[in-house]
Amino acid sequence: MHFLFFLLSMLGLLHAGSFNTDIMPKDLNREILKIRILDQKELSFDQIDKTKFSEISDLAYAAGTHSLFMVSDEGKLYEFRAVFTDRIETLKPVRAGKLRKKNGKKFKKWRRDSEGMTLDGRGHLLISFEEKPKIGWFHKNSAKYGRLIKTYTLPGKLRSMKNFRSKNKELEALAWHPRYGILTASEWPIKQDKKKRQTIYSLKGREWHFRAEPEGNSAISAIEVMDDGNILVLERSFTGLLNPFVVTLKKVYLHHCKKGMCRTKVLLKMNSHKGWGVDNFEGLAKVGKRRYVMISDDNDNFYQKTLLIYFEVKE
């Protein structure tokens, strides 16, 4: 029994790292796409810095230090050294740890569901949470790595769990806008809104509404600010194992809104029933001009993968 455990452990070590993969249909005409996929990796790590690597929910990238931060919905924070050229040049784990309160104590299990992450204009690492909605600023480069520094005041309608359709459908996405500051979005629209009327909220009080994709249970999983100040949105739709898993990348135009609804444009729709090898994509980060990465949550499930896709928006 001990030998078997040792053998499995060694196999895990041998297979740790990042490996090339391909989620694109073989017969796809790539020239007609509005997005150019530059590189695709499967990340396979048992532990990083004695912290289990799984369930990645969002990303943030500090270009100056080539630091790619990953947060899991189990309240864990990872840092990779990542260099992006026309491919993923370097991707190496640096450190990891658990998110903690100001006093260094662990968050209770039902208050550590970290889902969204971004870096603000000063390089502060911000993380949003479900179950008890909050957005906090956390240490990212000191001995207090992963420790809470402060929390931010949310708009009134986002402060109470009672306003959300589910305790697991709260502050899923987070971004920082140079004009509007911290932006957030719930996975599903709040109870007072129609089910297909999605909203991006600024902590300064602004709101932008747009229509969710027509697929069933289409939900926001991540947002990012684009070079022109508009918003790149990652949506996913899952309604059952026998039905298509659909992941959509779309652009929301913040300054083209009529009658309360903003114009959108689908950049890429990935449908598992049309040859796309999609998984549960949850995270999104800008890593360069027109260039982004998105990542999937493996749900700590043997049959799912952590996929990191590096892409460029053509227009």
C-alpha atoms as a PDB file:
ATOM      1  CA  MET A   1       0.000   0.000   0.000  1.00  0.00           C
ATOM      2  CA  HIS A   2       2.814   2.401   0.900  1.00  0.00           C
ATOM      3  CA  PHE A   3       4.607   1.559  -2.338  1.00  0.00           C
ATOM      4  CA  LEU A   4       1.440   2.268  -4.357  1.00  0.00           C
ATOM      5  CA  PHE A   5       1.023   5.660  -2.636  1.00  0.00           C
ATOM      6  CA  PHE A   6       4.687   6.468  -3.338  1.00  0.00           C
ATOM      7  CA  LEU A   7       4.297   5.456  -6.982  1.00  0.00           C
ATOM      8  CA  LEU A   8       1.191   7.607  -7.457  1.00  0.00           C
ATOM      9  CA  SER A   9       2.933  10.537  -5.756  1.00  0.00           C
ATOM     10  CA  MET A  10       5.940  10.217  -8.060  1.00  0.00           C
ATOM     11  CA  LEU A  11       3.691  10.045 -11.115  1.00  0.00           C
ATOM     12  CA  GLY A  12       2.021  13.259  -9.942  1.00  0.00           C
ATOM     13  CA  LEU A  13       5.378  14.972  -9.617  1.00  0.00           C
ATOM     14  CA  LEU A  14       6.484  13.777 -13.031  1.00  0.00           C
ATOM     15  CA  HIS A  15       3.353  15.201 -14.618  1.00  0.00           C
ATOM     16  CA  ALA A  16       3.387  18.525 -12.762  1.00  0.00           C
ATOM     17  CA  GLY A  17       3.662  21.612 -14.916  1.00  0.00           C
ATOM     18  CA  SER A  18       2.002  23.125 -17.973  1.00  0.00           C
ATOM     19  CA  PHE A  19       1.386  21.179 -21.153  1.00  0.00           C
ATOM     20  CA  ASN A  20       0.227  22.046 -24.640  1.00  0.00           C
ATOM     21  CA  THR A  21      -3.400  21.348 -25.435  1.00  0.00           C
ATOM     22  CA  ASP A  22      -5.933  22.282 -28.093  1.00  0.00           C
ATOM     23  CA  ILE A  23      -9.586  23.094 -27.428  1.00  0.00           C
ATOM     24  CA  MET A  24     -10.373  24.224 -31.003  1.00  0.00           C
ATOM     25  CA  PRO A  25     -12.399  22.192 -33.513  1.00  0.00           C
ATOM     26  CA  LYS A  26     -10.170  20.600 -36.166  1.00  0.00           C
ATOM     27  CA  ASP A  27     -12.228  21.913 -39.097  1.00  0.00           C
ATOM     28  CA  LEU A  28     -12.503  25.481 -37.753  1.00  0.00           C
ATOM     29  CA  ASN A  29     -11.773  28.345 -40.150  1.00  0.00           C
ATOM     30  CA  ARG A  30      -9.612  30.465 -37.853  1.00  0.00           C
ATOM     31  CA  GLU A  31      -9.414  33.379 -40.294  1.00  0.00           C
ATOM     32  CA  ILE A  32     -13.068  34.342 -39.797  1.00  0.00           C
ATOM     33  CA  LEU A  33     -12.783  34.536 -36.013  1.00  0.00           C
ATOM     34  CA  LYS A  34     -12.724  37.894 -34.227  1.00  0.00           C
ATOM     35  CA  ILE A  35     -10.273  36.351 -31.761  1.00  0.00           C
ATOM     36  CA  ARG A  36      -6.872  34.807 -32.480  1.00  0.00           C
ATOM     37  CA  ILE A  37      -5.896  32.034 -30.062  1.00  0.00           C
ATOM     38  CA  LEU A  38      -2.139  32.300 -29.522  1.00  0.00           C
ATOM     39  CA  ASP A  39      -1.394  29.538 -27.030  1.00  0.00           C
ATOM     40  CA  GLN A  40      -3.217  26.894 -24.994  1.00  0.00           C
ATOM     41  CA  LYS A  41      -1.994  25.148 -21.862  1.00  0.00           C
ATOM     42  CA  GLU A  42      -3.265  22.584 -19.415  1.00  0.00           C
ATOM     43  CA  LEU A  43      -1.974  23.282 -15.891  1.00  0.00           C
ATOM     44  CA  SER A  44      -1.321  20.224 -13.763  1.00  0.00           C
ATOM     45  CA  PHE A  45       0.028  20.810 -10.261  1.00  0.00           C
ATOM     46  CA  ASP A  46      -0.756  18.798  -7.169  1.00  0.00           C
ATOM     47  CA  GLN A  47       0.553  21.454  -4.776  1.00  0.00           C
ATOM     48  CA  ILE A  48       2.310  24.798  -4.978  1.00  0.00           C
ATOM     49  CA  ASP A  49       4.172  25.938  -1.891  1.00  0.00           C
ATOM     50  CA  LYS A  50       2.381  23.183   0.106  1.00  0.00           C
ATOM     51  CA  THR A  51      -0.986  24.544  -1.030  1.00  0.00           C
ATOM     52  CA  LYS A  52      -3.278  22.353  -3.131  1.00  0.00           C
ATOM     53  CA  PHE A  53      -3.730  23.722  -6.645  1.00  0.00           C
ATOM     54  CA  SER A  54      -7.345  23.494  -7.819  1.00  0.00           C
ATOM     55  CA  GLU A  55     -10.593  25.376  -8.545  1.00  0.00           C
ATOM     56  CA  ILE A  56      -9.093  28.521 -10.091  1.00  0.00           C
ATOM     57  CA  SER A  57     -11.774  31.183 -10.361  1.00  0.00           C
ATOM     58  CA  ASP A  58      -9.983  34.304 -11.653  1.00  0.00           C
ATOM     59  CA  LEU A  59      -6.730  35.894 -12.771  1.00  0.00           C
ATOM     60  CA  ALA A  60      -4.856  39.202 -12.544  1.00  0.00           C
ATOM     61  CA  TYR A  61      -1.603  40.169 -14.262  1.00  0.00           C
ATOM     62  CA  ALA A  62       1.085  42.639 -13.185  1.00  0.00           C
ATOM     63  CA  ALA A  63       3.049  43.248 -16.394  1.00  0.00           C
ATOM     64  CA  GLY A  64       5.881  45.131 -14.673  1.00  0.00           C
ATOM     65  CA  THR A  65       6.885  42.130 -12.572  1.00  0.00           C
ATOM     66  CA  HIS A  66       5.532  39.439 -14.940  1.00  0.00           C
ATOM     67  CA  SER A  67       3.347  38.203 -12.085  1.00  0.00           C
ATOM     68  CA  LEU A  68       0.215  36.228 -12.933  1.00  0.00           C
ATOM     69  CA  PHE A  69      -2.000  35.869  -9.866  1.00  0.00           C
ATOM     70  CA  MET A  70      -4.613  33.136  -9.613  1.00  0.00           C
ATOM     71  CA  VAL A  71      -7.290  32.846  -6.966  1.00  0.00           C
ATOM     72  CA  SER A  72      -9.321  29.744  -6.166  1.00  0.00           C
ATOM     73  CA  ASP A  73     -12.864  29.666  -4.861  1.00  0.00           C
ATOM     74  CA  GLU A  74     -11.478  27.865  -1.810  1.00  0.00           C
ATOM     75  CA  GLY A  75      -9.790  31.070  -0.637  1.00  0.00           C
ATOM     76  CA  LYS A  76      -6.293  30.324  -1.960  1.00  0.00           C
ATOM     77  CA  LEU A  77      -3.944  32.696  -3.774  1.00  0.00           C
ATOM     78  CA  TYR A  78      -1.205  31.622  -6.206  1.00  0.00           C
ATOM     79  CA  GLU A  79       1.483  33.612  -7.987  1.00  0.00           C
ATOM     80  CA  PHE A  80       3.189  32.536 -11.221  1.00  0.00           C
ATOM     81  CA  ARG A  81       5.988  34.160 -13.157  1.00  0.00           C
ATOM     82  CA  ALA A  82       4.483  34.543 -16.613  1.00  0.00           C
ATOM     83  CA  VAL A  83       5.989  36.045 -19.759  1.00  0.00           C
ATOM     84  CA  PHE A  84       3.764  36.540 -22.793  1.00  0.00           C
ATOM     85  CA  THR A  85       5.083  37.136 -26.308  1.00  0.00           C
ATOM     86  CA  ASP A  86       3.322  35.596 -29.305  1.00  0.00           C
ATOM     87  CA  ARG A  87       2.950  32.569 -27.060  1.00  0.00           C
ATOM     88  CA  ILE A  88       3.198  31.799 -23.356  1.00  0.00           C
ATOM     89  CA  GLU A  89       6.977  32.101 -23.081  1.00  0.00           C
ATOM     90  CA  THR A  90       7.297  31.393 -19.346  1.00  0.00           C
ATOM     91  CA  LEU A  91       4.869  30.026 -16.769  1.00  0.00           C
ATOM     92  CA  LYS A  92       6.387  28.985 -13.458  1.00  0.00           C
ATOM     93  CA  PRO A  93       4.810  28.864  -9.974  1.00  0.00           C
ATOM     94  CA  VAL A  94       6.384  31.232  -7.450  1.00  0.00           C
ATOM     95  CA  ARG A  95       4.345  30.921  -4.254  1.00  0.00           C
ATOM     96  CA  ALA A  96       0.938  30.263  -2.787  1.00  0.00           C
ATOM     97  CA  GLY A  97      -1.024  30.707   0.410  1.00  0.00           C
ATOM     98  CA  LYS A  98      -4.473  31.008   1.928  1.00  0.00           C
ATOM     99  CA  LEU A  99      -6.431  34.252   2.080  1.00  0.00           C
ATOM    100  CA  ARG A 100      -6.692  35.515   5.647  1.00  0.00           C
ATOM    101  CA  LYS A 101      -8.352  38.214   7.704  1.00  0.00           C
ATOM    102  CA  LYS A 102      -6.523  41.352   8.869  1.00  0.00           C
ATOM    103  CA  ASN A 103      -5.522  39.582  12.084  1.00  0.00           C
ATOM    104  CA  GLY A 104      -4.043  36.647  10.178  1.00  0.00           C
ATOM    105  CA  LYS A 105      -6.835  34.203  11.031  1.00  0.00           C
ATOM    106  CA  LYS A 106      -8.451  32.039   8.336  1.00  0.00           C
ATOM    107  CA  PHE A 107     -11.800  32.966   6.863  1.00  0.00           C
ATOM    108  CA  LYS A 108     -14.644  30.696   7.877  1.00  0.00           C
ATOM    109  CA  LYS A 109     -15.479  28.122   5.221  1.00  0.00           C
ATOM    110  CA  TRP A 110     -18.659  29.893   4.104  1.00  0.00           C
ATOM    111  CA  ARG A 111     -16.888  33.266   3.816  1.00  0.00           C
ATOM    112  CA  ARG A 112     -13.865  32.312   1.721  1.00  0.00           C
ATOM    113  CA  ASP A 113     -15.581  31.773  -1.644  1.00  0.00           C
ATOM    114  CA  SER A 114     -13.261  34.060  -3.613  1.00  0.00           C
ATOM    115  CA  GLU A 115     -14.476  34.435  -7.196  1.00  0.00           C
ATOM    116  CA  GLY A 116     -13.292  37.660  -8.837  1.00  0.00           C
ATOM    117  CA  MET A 117      -9.878  39.339  -8.883  1.00  0.00           C
ATOM    118  CA  THR A 118      -8.176  42.379 -10.415  1.00  0.00           C
ATOM    119  CA  LEU A 119      -5.338  44.864  -9.931  1.00  0.00           C
ATOM    120  CA  ASP A 120      -6.300  48.511  -9.540  1.00  0.00           C
ATOM    121  CA  GLY A 121      -4.447  51.544 -10.907  1.00  0.00           C
ATOM    122  CA  ARG A 122      -1.975  51.434  -8.028  1.00  0.00           C
ATOM    123  CA  GLY A 123      -1.310  47.717  -8.347  1.00  0.00           C
ATOM    124  CA  HIS A 124      -3.459  46.784  -5.347  1.00  0.00           C
ATOM    125  CA  LEU A 125      -4.759  43.216  -5.520  1.00  0.00           C
ATOM    126  CA  LEU A 126      -8.552  43.216  -5.155  1.00  0.00           C
ATOM    127  CA  ILE A 127     -10.699  40.097  -4.657  1.00  0.00           C
ATOM    128  CA  SER A 128     -14.500  39.669  -4.619  1.00  0.00           C
ATOM    129  CA  PHE A 129     -16.453  37.013  -2.733  1.00  0.00           C
ATOM    130  CA  GLU A 130     -19.719  35.100  -2.828  1.00  0.00           C
ATOM    131  CA  GLU A 131     -21.829  33.756   0.076  1.00  0.00           C
ATOM    132  CA  LYS A 132     -21.181  36.974   2.013  1.00  0.00           C
ATOM    133  CA  PRO A 133     -20.722  39.589  -0.741  1.00  0.00           C
ATOM    134  CA  LYS A 134     -17.608  41.712  -0.273  1.00  0.00           C
ATOM    135  CA  ILE A 135     -14.633  43.148  -2.112  1.00  0.00           C
ATOM    136  CA  GLY A 136     -11.297  43.388  -0.335  1.00  0.00           C
ATOM    137  CA  TRP A 137      -7.751  44.615  -0.918  1.00  0.00           C
ATOM    138  CA  PHE A 138      -5.137  41.952  -0.087  1.00  0.00           C
ATOM    139  CA  HIS A 139      -1.363  41.874   0.375  1.00  0.00           C
ATOM    140  CA  LYS A 140       0.389  40.391  -2.666  1.00  0.00           C
ATOM    141  CA  ASN A 141       4.117  41.058  -2.203  1.00  0.00           C
ATOM    142  CA  SER A 142       5.067  40.957   1.461  1.00  0.00           C
ATOM    143  CA  ALA A 143       5.343  38.557   4.390  1.00  0.00           C
ATOM    144  CA  LYS A 144       1.590  39.142   4.814  1.00  0.00           C
ATOM    145  CA  TYR A 145       0.904  37.599   1.395  1.00  0.00           C
ATOM    146  CA  GLY A 146      -2.818  36.904   1.061  1.00  0.00           C
ATOM    147  CA  ARG A 147      -3.860  38.904   4.144  1.00  0.00           C
ATOM    148  CA  LEU A 148      -6.770  41.359   3.997  1.00  0.00           C
ATOM    149  CA  ILE A 149      -5.886  45.060   4.192  1.00  0.00           C
ATOM    150  CA  LYS A 150      -9.328  46.661   3.841  1.00  0.00           C
ATOM    151  CA  THR A 151     -12.812  46.095   2.443  1.00  0.00           C
ATOM    152  CA  TYR A 152     -14.767  48.447   0.177  1.00  0.00           C
ATOM    153  CA  THR A 153     -18.290  49.796   0.560  1.00  0.00           C
ATOM    154  CA  LEU A 154     -20.645  48.136  -1.908  1.00  0.00           C
ATOM    155  CA  PRO A 155     -23.671  49.732  -3.601  1.00  0.00           C
ATOM    156  CA  GLY A 156     -26.749  49.214  -1.432  1.00  0.00           C
ATOM    157  CA  LYS A 157     -28.394  46.572  -3.628  1.00  0.00           C
ATOM    158  CA  LEU A 158     -25.229  44.398  -3.496  1.00  0.00           C
ATOM    159  CA  ARG A 159     -24.754  44.370   0.263  1.00  0.00           C
ATOM    160  CA  SER A 160     -27.372  41.802   1.275  1.00  0.00           C
ATOM    161  CA  MET A 161     -27.463  38.138   0.231  1.00  0.00           C
ATOM    162  CA  LYS A 162     -31.267  38.460   0.130  1.00  0.00           C
ATOM    163  CA  ASN A 163     -31.027  40.548  -3.053  1.00  0.00           C
ATOM    164  CA  PHE A 164     -29.258  37.800  -5.032  1.00  0.00           C
ATOM    165  CA  ARG A 165     -30.924  34.834  -6.716  1.00  0.00           C
ATOM    166  CA  SER A 166     -28.609  32.432  -4.872  1.00  0.00           C
ATOM    167  CA  LYS A 167     -25.828  32.649  -2.289  1.00  0.00           C
ATOM    168  CA  ASN A 168     -23.621  31.079  -4.966  1.00  0.00           C
ATOM    169  CA  LYS A 169     -24.542  33.667  -7.628  1.00  0.00           C
ATOM    170  CA  GLU A 170     -23.138  36.819  -6.077  1.00  0.00           C
ATOM    171  CA  LEU A 171     -20.001  38.885  -6.858  1.00  0.00           C
ATOM    172  CA  GLU A 172     -18.528  36.591  -9.501  1.00  0.00           C
ATOM    173  CA  ALA A 173     -16.555  39.116 -11.561  1.00  0.00           C
ATOM    174  CA  LEU A 174     -14.238  42.024 -10.816  1.00  0.00           C
ATOM    175  CA  ALA A 175     -12.288  44.578 -12.889  1.00  0.00           C
ATOM    176  CA  TRP A 176     -10.722  48.006 -12.513  1.00  0.00           C
ATOM    177  CA  HIS A 177     -11.529  50.825 -14.940  1.00  0.00           C
ATOM    178  CA  PRO A 178      -9.287  53.934 -15.189  1.00  0.00           C
ATOM    179  CA  ARG A 179     -12.397  56.164 -15.408  1.00  0.00           C
ATOM    180  CA  TYR A 180     -15.045  54.346 -13.344  1.00  0.00           C
ATOM    181  CA  GLY A 181     -12.868  52.630 -10.741  1.00  0.00           C
ATOM    182  CA  ILE A 182     -13.787  49.220  -9.330  1.00  0.00           C
ATOM    183  CA  LEU A 183     -16.341  47.337 -11.427  1.00  0.00           C
ATOM    184  CA  THR A 184     -18.160  44.178 -10.367  1.00  0.00           C
ATOM    185  CA  ALA A 185     -20.928  41.909 -11.612  1.00  0.00           C
ATOM    186  CA  SER A 186     -23.022  39.140 -10.121  1.00  0.00           C
ATOM    187  CA  GLU A 187     -23.136  35.773 -11.845  1.00  0.00           C
ATOM    188  CA  TRP A 188     -26.896  36.008 -12.374  1.00  0.00           C
ATOM    189  CA  PRO A 189     -28.953  39.234 -12.310  1.00  0.00           C
ATOM    190  CA  ILE A 190     -30.194  40.261  -8.872  1.00  0.00           C
ATOM    191  CA  LYS A 191     -33.799  39.409  -7.959  1.00  0.00           C
ATOM    192  CA  GLN A 192     -35.248  42.813  -8.856  1.00  0.00           C
ATOM    193  CA  ASP A 193     -34.031  42.500 -12.469  1.00  0.00           C
ATOM    194  CA  LYS A 194     -35.213  40.312 -15.324  1.00  0.00           C
ATOM    195  CA  LYS A 195     -33.308  37.041 -15.711  1.00  0.00           C
ATOM    196  CA  LYS A 196     -31.640  38.097 -18.963  1.00  0.00           C
ATOM    197  CA  ARG A 197     -30.784  41.660 -17.871  1.00  0.00           C
ATOM    198  CA  GLN A 198     -27.176  41.566 -16.734  1.00  0.00           C
ATOM    199  CA  THR A 199     -25.529  44.494 -14.958  1.00  0.00           C
ATOM    200  CA  ILE A 200     -22.016  45.821 -14.427  1.00  0.00           C
ATOM    201  CA  TYR A 201     -21.782  47.939 -11.270  1.00  0.00           C
ATOM    202  CA  SER A 202     -19.255  50.622 -10.396  1.00  0.00           C
ATOM    203  CA  LEU A 203     -18.591  51.149  -6.700  1.00  0.00           C
ATOM    204  CA  LYS A 204     -18.979  54.855  -7.559  1.00  0.00           C
ATOM    205  CA  GLY A 205     -22.667  54.252  -8.301  1.00  0.00           C
ATOM    206  CA  ARG A 206     -22.835  53.849 -12.086  1.00  0.00           C
ATOM    207  CA  GLU A 207     -24.594  50.880 -13.688  1.00  0.00           C
ATOM    208  CA  TRP A 208     -24.536  49.453 -17.216  1.00  0.00           C
ATOM    209  CA  HIS A 209     -27.073  46.867 -18.370  1.00  0.00           C
ATOM    210  CA  PHE A 210     -26.860  44.406 -21.234  1.00  0.00           C
ATOM    211  CA  ARG A 211     -28.664  41.305 -22.431  1.00  0.00           C
ATOM    212  CA  ALA A 212     -27.298  37.890 -21.484  1.00  0.00           C
ATOM    213  CA  GLU A 213     -26.725  35.319 -24.219  1.00  0.00           C
ATOM    214  CA  PRO A 214     -29.802  33.299 -25.279  1.00  0.00           C
ATOM    215  CA  GLU A 215     -28.478  29.940 -24.063  1.00  0.00           C
ATOM    216  CA  GLY A 216     -30.062  28.594 -20.872  1.00  0.00           C
ATOM    217  CA  ASN A 217     -28.553  29.644 -17.538  1.00  0.00           C
ATOM    218  CA  SER A 218     -26.126  31.966 -19.319  1.00  0.00           C
ATOM    219  CA  ALA A 219     -24.161  33.665 -16.548  1.00  0.00           C
ATOM    220  CA  ILE A 220     -21.272  36.113 -16.144  1.00  0.00           C
ATOM    221  CA  SER A 221     -18.101  34.398 -14.983  1.00  0.00           C
ATOM    222  CA  ALA A 222     -15.520  37.188 -15.549  1.00  0.00           C
ATOM    223  CA  ILE A 223     -15.077  40.741 -16.837  1.00  0.00           C
ATOM    224  CA  GLU A 224     -12.041  42.722 -17.982  1.00  0.00           C
ATOM    225  CA  VAL A 225     -11.471  46.282 -19.210  1.00  0.00           C
ATOM    226  CA  MET A 226     -10.360  46.538 -22.841  1.00  0.00           C
ATOM    227  CA  ASP A 227      -7.903  49.006 -24.385  1.00  0.00           C
ATOM    228  CA  ASP A 228     -10.723  51.286 -25.585  1.00  0.00           C
ATOM    229  CA  GLY A 229     -12.440  51.382 -22.170  1.00  0.00           C
ATOM    230  CA  ASN A 230     -15.215  48.949 -23.051  1.00  0.00           C
ATOM    231  CA  ILE A 231     -15.726  45.646 -21.276  1.00  0.00           C
ATOM    232  CA  LEU A 232     -14.795  42.111 -22.278  1.00  0.00           C
ATOM    233  CA  VAL A 233     -17.274  39.691 -20.705  1.00  0.00           C
ATOM    234  CA  LEU A 234     -16.890  35.941 -20.267  1.00  0.00           C
ATOM    235  CA  GLU A 235     -20.245  34.138 -20.121  1.00  0.00           C
ATOM    236  CA  ARG A 236     -20.917  30.433 -19.722  1.00  0.00           C
ATOM    237  CA  SER A 237     -24.012  28.298 -20.116  1.00  0.00           C
ATOM    238  CA  PHE A 238     -24.438  24.812 -18.634  1.00  0.00           C
ATOM    239  CA  THR A 239     -27.828  23.139 -18.362  1.00  0.00           C
ATOM    240  CA  GLY A 240     -26.905  19.461 -18.054  1.00  0.00           C
ATOM    241  CA  LEU A 241     -24.402  16.794 -19.080  1.00  0.00           C
ATOM    242  CA  LEU A 242     -26.315  15.909 -22.244  1.00  0.00           C
ATOM    243  CA  ASN A 243     -26.684  19.529 -23.354  1.00  0.00           C
ATOM    244  CA  PRO A 244     -24.087  21.816 -24.935  1.00  0.00           C
ATOM    245  CA  PHE A 245     -21.603  23.597 -22.686  1.00  0.00           C
ATOM    246  CA  VAL A 246     -21.341  27.066 -24.247  1.00  0.00           C
ATOM    247  CA  VAL A 247     -18.708  29.680 -23.392  1.00  0.00           C
ATOM    248  CA  THR A 248     -19.008  33.160 -24.940  1.00  0.00           C
ATOM    249  CA  LEU A 249     -16.579  36.066 -25.121  1.00  0.00           C
ATOM    250  CA  LYS A 250     -18.440  39.301 -25.870  1.00  0.00           C
ATOM    251  CA  LYS A 251     -17.774  43.024 -25.889  1.00  0.00           C
ATOM    252  CA  VAL A 252     -20.045  45.404 -23.985  1.00  0.00           C
ATOM    253  CA  TYR A 253     -19.957  49.017 -25.188  1.00  0.00           C
ATOM    254  CA  LEU A 254     -20.318  51.249 -22.123  1.00  0.00           C
ATOM    255  CA  HIS A 255     -21.029  54.401 -24.140  1.00  0.00           C
ATOM    256  CA  HIS A 256     -23.498  52.912 -26.619  1.00  0.00           C
ATOM    257  CA  CYS A 257     -26.530  52.364 -24.417  1.00  0.00           C
ATOM    258  CA  LYS A 258     -30.151  53.061 -25.373  1.00  0.00           C
ATOM    259  CA  LYS A 259     -33.186  52.750 -23.112  1.00  0.00           C
ATOM    260  CA  GLY A 260     -30.959  51.407 -20.364  1.00  0.00           C
ATOM    261  CA  MET A 261     -29.386  48.600 -22.424  1.00  0.00           C
ATOM    262  CA  CYS A 262     -25.831  48.675 -23.800  1.00  0.00           C
ATOM    263  CA  ARG A 263     -24.798  47.417 -27.206  1.00  0.00           C
ATOM    264  CA  THR A 264     -22.910  44.097 -27.250  1.00  0.00           C
ATOM    265  CA  LYS A 265     -20.967  42.134 -29.834  1.00  0.00           C
ATOM    266  CA  VAL A 266     -20.111  38.436 -29.653  1.00  0.00           C
ATOM    267  CA  LEU A 267     -16.400  37.909 -30.337  1.00  0.00           C
ATOM    268  CA  LEU A 268     -16.298  34.137 -29.917  1.00  0.00           C
ATOM    269  CA  LYS A 269     -18.807  31.436 -29.043  1.00  0.00           C
ATOM    270  CA  MET A 270     -17.397  28.035 -28.041  1.00  0.00           C
ATOM    271  CA  ASN A 271     -19.929  25.215 -28.082  1.00  0.00           C
ATOM    272  CA  SER A 272     -19.002  21.726 -26.849  1.00  0.00           C
ATOM    273  CA  HIS A 273     -21.443  20.187 -29.354  1.00  0.00           C
ATOM    274  CA  LYS A 274     -19.585  21.901 -32.207  1.00  0.00           C
ATOM    275  CA  GLY A 275     -16.155  20.478 -31.469  1.00  0.00           C
ATOM    276  CA  TRP A 276     -14.866  22.929 -28.866  1.00  0.00           C
ATOM    277  CA  GLY A 277     -13.088  21.259 -25.941  1.00  0.00           C
ATOM    278  CA  VAL A 278     -14.362  23.821 -23.459  1.00  0.00           C
ATOM    279  CA  ASP A 279     -14.351  23.470 -19.714  1.00  0.00           C
ATOM    280  CA  ASN A 280     -15.692  25.608 -16.878  1.00  0.00           C
ATOM    281  CA  PHE A 281     -14.006  28.903 -17.837  1.00  0.00           C
ATOM    282  CA  GLU A 282     -14.218  31.345 -14.929  1.00  0.00           C
ATOM    283  CA  GLY A 283     -11.270  33.730 -15.049  1.00  0.00           C
ATOM    284  CA  LEU A 284     -10.050  36.473 -17.364  1.00  0.00           C
ATOM    285  CA  ALA A 285      -7.118  38.909 -17.318  1.00  0.00           C
ATOM    286  CA  LYS A 286      -5.564  41.442 -19.681  1.00  0.00           C
ATOM    287  CA  VAL A 287      -1.849  40.734 -20.222  1.00  0.00           C
ATOM    288  CA  GLY A 288      -0.972  43.149 -23.056  1.00  0.00           C
ATOM    289  CA  LYS A 289      -2.427  45.322 -25.795  1.00  0.00           C
ATOM    290  CA  ARG A 290      -5.490  43.438 -27.118  1.00  0.00           C
ATOM    291  CA  ARG A 291      -4.164  40.304 -25.402  1.00  0.00           C
ATOM    292  CA  TYR A 292      -5.803  38.297 -22.641  1.00  0.00           C
ATOM    293  CA  VAL A 293      -5.776  34.969 -20.847  1.00  0.00           C
ATOM    294  CA  MET A 294      -8.748  32.986 -19.598  1.00  0.00           C
ATOM    295  CA  ILE A 295      -8.712  30.026 -17.235  1.00  0.00           C
ATOM    296  CA  SER A 296     -11.053  27.183 -16.309  1.00  0.00           C
ATOM    297  CA  ASP A 297     -12.060  25.874 -12.887  1.00  0.00           C
ATOM    298  CA  ASP A 298     -11.496  22.118 -12.579  1.00  0.00           C
ATOM    299  CA  ASN A 299     -13.987  21.938  -9.670  1.00  0.00           C
ATOM    300  CA  ASP A 300     -11.413  19.726  -7.914  1.00  0.00           C
ATOM    301  CA  ASN A 301     -12.707  16.973 -10.193  1.00  0.00           C
ATOM    302  CA  PHE A 302     -10.512  14.287 -11.777  1.00  0.00           C
ATOM    303  CA  TYR A 303     -12.479  14.512 -15.029  1.00  0.00           C
ATOM    304  CA  GLN A 304     -12.025  18.278 -15.468  1.00  0.00           C
ATOM    305  CA  LYS A 305      -8.944  20.331 -16.266  1.00  0.00           C
ATOM    306  CA  THR A 306      -7.358  23.680 -15.522  1.00  0.00           C
ATOM    307  CA  LEU A 307      -7.003  25.207 -18.984  1.00  0.00           C
ATOM    308  CA  LEU A 308      -5.170  28.481 -19.636  1.00  0.00           C
ATOM    309  CA  ILE A 309      -5.962  30.022 -23.032  1.00  0.00           C
ATOM    310  CA  TYR A 310      -3.947  32.984 -24.349  1.00  0.00           C
ATOM    311  CA  PHE A 311      -5.682  35.010 -27.056  1.00  0.00           C
ATOM    312  CA  GLU A 312      -5.778  38.292 -28.947  1.00  0.00           C
ATOM    313  CA  VAL A 313      -8.837  40.336 -29.866  1.00  0.00           C
ATOM    314  CA  LYS A 314      -8.269  41.203 -33.520  1.00  0.00           C
ATOM    315  CA  GLU A 315     -10.134  44.503 -33.635  1.00  0.00           C
END
